[in-house]
Amino acid sequence: MKSIIICMGILILSTALLADLAEPKIDQFPRLVGGMSALVHRVHYPESARDLKIESQLRLSCRIEADGSVSHIKVVESGGYLFDTEAIKALERTTWEPAVCEQKPVPVRMVIPFEFRVEKP
């Protein structure tokens, strides 16, 4: 049986982060506590999609708060209800080191792409 791979990347370019500040200069972008593997381990490939070897891509936007929590998660580009739901659940369970502006933690918006794909032999 082919194994399933879940690929994710975080858009951390300045155009992907929209600071909720009067001055949008971010000195340090938010960082996922535990790195990308922390998010990968929280995502579950939907069982019915896995059985049918269905692949998908989606993008979520969210706000990383000054305390490192995640809020205001929205689907920017849907990959289908099952995939969207699993990605949202995983993102809700993450903790971040917040963005920093002038040595103070600040909230920012981010876009996070997810890709669910079947590993090719």
C-alpha atoms as a PDB file:
ATOM      1  CA  MET A   1       0.000   0.000   0.000  1.00  0.00           C
ATOM      2  CA  LYS A   2       1.266   3.449  -0.843  1.00  0.00           C
ATOM      3  CA  SER A   3       1.973   5.721   2.075  1.00  0.00           C
ATOM      4  CA  ILE A   4       0.327   9.110   2.351  1.00  0.00           C
ATOM      5  CA  ILE A   5       2.328  12.329   2.572  1.00  0.00           C
ATOM      6  CA  ILE A   6       1.059  15.612   3.908  1.00  0.00           C
ATOM      7  CA  CYS A   7       3.107  18.573   2.709  1.00  0.00           C
ATOM      8  CA  MET A   8       2.806  22.032   4.159  1.00  0.00           C
ATOM      9  CA  GLY A   9       4.639  25.261   3.898  1.00  0.00           C
ATOM     10  CA  ILE A  10       4.188  28.600   5.546  1.00  0.00           C
ATOM     11  CA  LEU A  11       4.270  31.715   3.448  1.00  0.00           C
ATOM     12  CA  ILE A  12       6.470  34.016   5.456  1.00  0.00           C
ATOM     13  CA  LEU A  13       7.287  36.540   2.795  1.00  0.00           C
ATOM     14  CA  SER A  14       6.366  40.069   3.700  1.00  0.00           C
ATOM     15  CA  THR A  15       3.559  39.971   1.123  1.00  0.00           C
ATOM     16  CA  ALA A  16       2.035  36.938   2.863  1.00  0.00           C
ATOM     17  CA  LEU A  17       1.969  38.580   6.268  1.00  0.00           C
ATOM     18  CA  LEU A  18      -0.450  41.380   6.778  1.00  0.00           C
ATOM     19  CA  ALA A  19       0.340  43.139  10.032  1.00  0.00           C
ATOM     20  CA  ASP A  20      -2.607  44.489  11.951  1.00  0.00           C
ATOM     21  CA  LEU A  21      -0.568  47.551  12.850  1.00  0.00           C
ATOM     22  CA  ALA A  22      -0.349  51.182  11.840  1.00  0.00           C
ATOM     23  CA  GLU A  23       3.338  50.511  11.106  1.00  0.00           C
ATOM     24  CA  PRO A  24       3.571  47.224   9.188  1.00  0.00           C
ATOM     25  CA  LYS A  25       7.328  46.729   9.739  1.00  0.00           C
ATOM     26  CA  ILE A  26       7.828  43.337  11.382  1.00  0.00           C
ATOM     27  CA  ASP A  27      11.227  42.759  12.984  1.00  0.00           C
ATOM     28  CA  GLN A  28      10.668  39.037  13.547  1.00  0.00           C
ATOM     29  CA  PHE A  29       8.057  36.896  11.830  1.00  0.00           C
ATOM     30  CA  PRO A  30       6.040  34.355  13.842  1.00  0.00           C
ATOM     31  CA  ARG A  31       7.582  30.899  14.232  1.00  0.00           C
ATOM     32  CA  LEU A  32       5.788  27.643  14.799  1.00  0.00           C
ATOM     33  CA  VAL A  33       6.748  26.104  18.154  1.00  0.00           C
ATOM     34  CA  GLY A  34       8.219  22.701  17.318  1.00  0.00           C
ATOM     35  CA  GLY A  35       8.791  23.643  13.674  1.00  0.00           C
ATOM     36  CA  MET A  36       6.909  22.359  10.652  1.00  0.00           C
ATOM     37  CA  SER A  37       6.985  18.795  11.979  1.00  0.00           C
ATOM     38  CA  ALA A  38       4.729  19.932  14.848  1.00  0.00           C
ATOM     39  CA  LEU A  39       2.057  20.898  12.325  1.00  0.00           C
ATOM     40  CA  VAL A  40       2.606  17.860  10.091  1.00  0.00           C
ATOM     41  CA  HIS A  41       2.058  15.508  13.058  1.00  0.00           C
ATOM     42  CA  ARG A  42      -1.239  17.216  13.876  1.00  0.00           C
ATOM     43  CA  VAL A  43      -2.746  16.793  10.406  1.00  0.00           C
ATOM     44  CA  HIS A  44      -4.745  13.658   9.661  1.00  0.00           C
ATOM     45  CA  TYR A  45      -5.378  12.597   6.069  1.00  0.00           C
ATOM     46  CA  PRO A  46      -9.162  12.110   5.795  1.00  0.00           C
ATOM     47  CA  GLU A  47      -9.719   8.331   5.846  1.00  0.00           C
ATOM     48  CA  SER A  48     -12.244   8.219   3.017  1.00  0.00           C
ATOM     49  CA  ALA A  49      -9.997  10.381   0.815  1.00  0.00           C
ATOM     50  CA  ARG A  50      -6.963   8.255   1.698  1.00  0.00           C
ATOM     51  CA  ASP A  51      -8.791   5.054   0.749  1.00  0.00           C
ATOM     52  CA  LEU A  52      -9.696   6.551  -2.641  1.00  0.00           C
ATOM     53  CA  LYS A  53      -6.217   8.109  -3.022  1.00  0.00           C
ATOM     54  CA  ILE A  54      -7.706  11.576  -3.474  1.00  0.00           C
ATOM     55  CA  GLU A  55      -5.202  14.434  -3.335  1.00  0.00           C
ATOM     56  CA  SER A  56      -5.884  18.071  -2.547  1.00  0.00           C
ATOM     57  CA  GLN A  57      -4.406  21.506  -1.963  1.00  0.00           C
ATOM     58  CA  LEU A  58      -5.794  24.337   0.128  1.00  0.00           C
ATOM     59  CA  ARG A  59      -4.789  27.603   1.741  1.00  0.00           C
ATOM     60  CA  LEU A  60      -5.858  28.888   5.131  1.00  0.00           C
ATOM     61  CA  SER A  61      -5.464  32.394   6.474  1.00  0.00           C
ATOM     62  CA  CYS A  62      -5.223  32.993  10.192  1.00  0.00           C
ATOM     63  CA  ARG A  63      -4.186  35.527  12.760  1.00  0.00           C
ATOM     64  CA  ILE A  64      -1.258  34.740  15.032  1.00  0.00           C
ATOM     65  CA  GLU A  65      -1.995  36.677  18.207  1.00  0.00           C
ATOM     66  CA  ALA A  66       0.554  38.481  20.365  1.00  0.00           C
ATOM     67  CA  ASP A  67       0.352  35.569  22.851  1.00  0.00           C
ATOM     68  CA  GLY A  68       1.162  33.010  20.126  1.00  0.00           C
ATOM     69  CA  SER A  69      -2.344  31.590  19.836  1.00  0.00           C
ATOM     70  CA  VAL A  70      -4.134  31.140  16.497  1.00  0.00           C
ATOM     71  CA  SER A  71      -7.461  32.819  15.729  1.00  0.00           C
ATOM     72  CA  HIS A  72      -9.667  33.911  12.842  1.00  0.00           C
ATOM     73  CA  ILE A  73      -8.927  30.870  10.672  1.00  0.00           C
ATOM     74  CA  LYS A  74     -10.501  31.163   7.227  1.00  0.00           C
ATOM     75  CA  VAL A  75     -10.333  29.070   4.089  1.00  0.00           C
ATOM     76  CA  VAL A  76      -8.736  31.160   1.329  1.00  0.00           C
ATOM     77  CA  GLU A  77      -8.676  28.365  -1.234  1.00  0.00           C
ATOM     78  CA  SER A  78     -10.697  25.243  -0.508  1.00  0.00           C
ATOM     79  CA  GLY A  79      -9.399  21.750  -1.069  1.00  0.00           C
ATOM     80  CA  GLY A  80     -12.785  20.244  -0.268  1.00  0.00           C
ATOM     81  CA  TYR A  81     -14.691  20.015   2.993  1.00  0.00           C
ATOM     82  CA  LEU A  82     -12.831  16.991   4.434  1.00  0.00           C
ATOM     83  CA  PHE A  83      -9.379  18.419   3.720  1.00  0.00           C
ATOM     84  CA  ASP A  84     -10.320  21.928   4.886  1.00  0.00           C
ATOM     85  CA  THR A  85     -11.677  20.555   8.160  1.00  0.00           C
ATOM     86  CA  GLU A  86      -8.565  18.495   8.901  1.00  0.00           C
ATOM     87  CA  ALA A  87      -6.226  21.410   8.130  1.00  0.00           C
ATOM     88  CA  ILE A  88      -8.261  23.775  10.333  1.00  0.00           C
ATOM     89  CA  LYS A  89      -8.239  21.297  13.244  1.00  0.00           C
ATOM     90  CA  ALA A  90      -4.476  20.906  12.962  1.00  0.00           C
ATOM     91  CA  LEU A  91      -3.872  24.664  12.808  1.00  0.00           C
ATOM     92  CA  GLU A  92      -6.105  25.244  15.847  1.00  0.00           C
ATOM     93  CA  ARG A  93      -3.844  22.932  17.871  1.00  0.00           C
ATOM     94  CA  THR A  94      -0.625  24.822  17.137  1.00  0.00           C
ATOM     95  CA  THR A  95       1.275  27.362  19.218  1.00  0.00           C
ATOM     96  CA  TRP A  96       3.494  30.056  17.781  1.00  0.00           C
ATOM     97  CA  GLU A  97       6.222  32.404  18.875  1.00  0.00           C
ATOM     98  CA  PRO A  98       4.549  35.705  17.963  1.00  0.00           C
ATOM     99  CA  ALA A  99       5.774  38.282  15.499  1.00  0.00           C
ATOM    100  CA  VAL A 100       7.822  41.092  17.010  1.00  0.00           C
ATOM    101  CA  CYS A 101       7.761  44.775  16.160  1.00  0.00           C
ATOM    102  CA  GLU A 102       9.915  47.225  18.103  1.00  0.00           C
ATOM    103  CA  GLN A 103      10.664  44.522  20.684  1.00  0.00           C
ATOM    104  CA  LYS A 104       6.973  43.886  21.407  1.00  0.00           C
ATOM    105  CA  PRO A 105       4.902  40.862  20.383  1.00  0.00           C
ATOM    106  CA  VAL A 106       2.277  41.852  17.821  1.00  0.00           C
ATOM    107  CA  PRO A 107      -0.562  40.061  16.023  1.00  0.00           C
ATOM    108  CA  VAL A 108      -0.207  39.335  12.309  1.00  0.00           C
ATOM    109  CA  ARG A 109      -2.229  37.596   9.601  1.00  0.00           C
ATOM    110  CA  MET A 110      -0.669  34.753   7.626  1.00  0.00           C
ATOM    111  CA  VAL A 111      -1.556  32.441   4.768  1.00  0.00           C
ATOM    112  CA  ILE A 112      -0.599  28.789   5.176  1.00  0.00           C
ATOM    113  CA  PRO A 113      -0.779  26.379   2.209  1.00  0.00           C
ATOM    114  CA  PHE A 114      -1.447  22.669   2.745  1.00  0.00           C
ATOM    115  CA  GLU A 115      -0.982  19.885   0.235  1.00  0.00           C
ATOM    116  CA  PHE A 116      -2.351  16.386   0.739  1.00  0.00           C
ATOM    117  CA  ARG A 117      -0.845  13.932  -1.712  1.00  0.00           C
ATOM    118  CA  VAL A 118      -0.262  10.238  -2.191  1.00  0.00           C
ATOM    119  CA  GLU A 119       3.385   9.253  -2.258  1.00  0.00           C
ATOM    120  CA  LYS A 120       4.391   7.924  -5.662  1.00  0.00           C
ATOM    121  CA  PRO A 121       6.468   4.691  -5.720  1.00  0.00           C
END
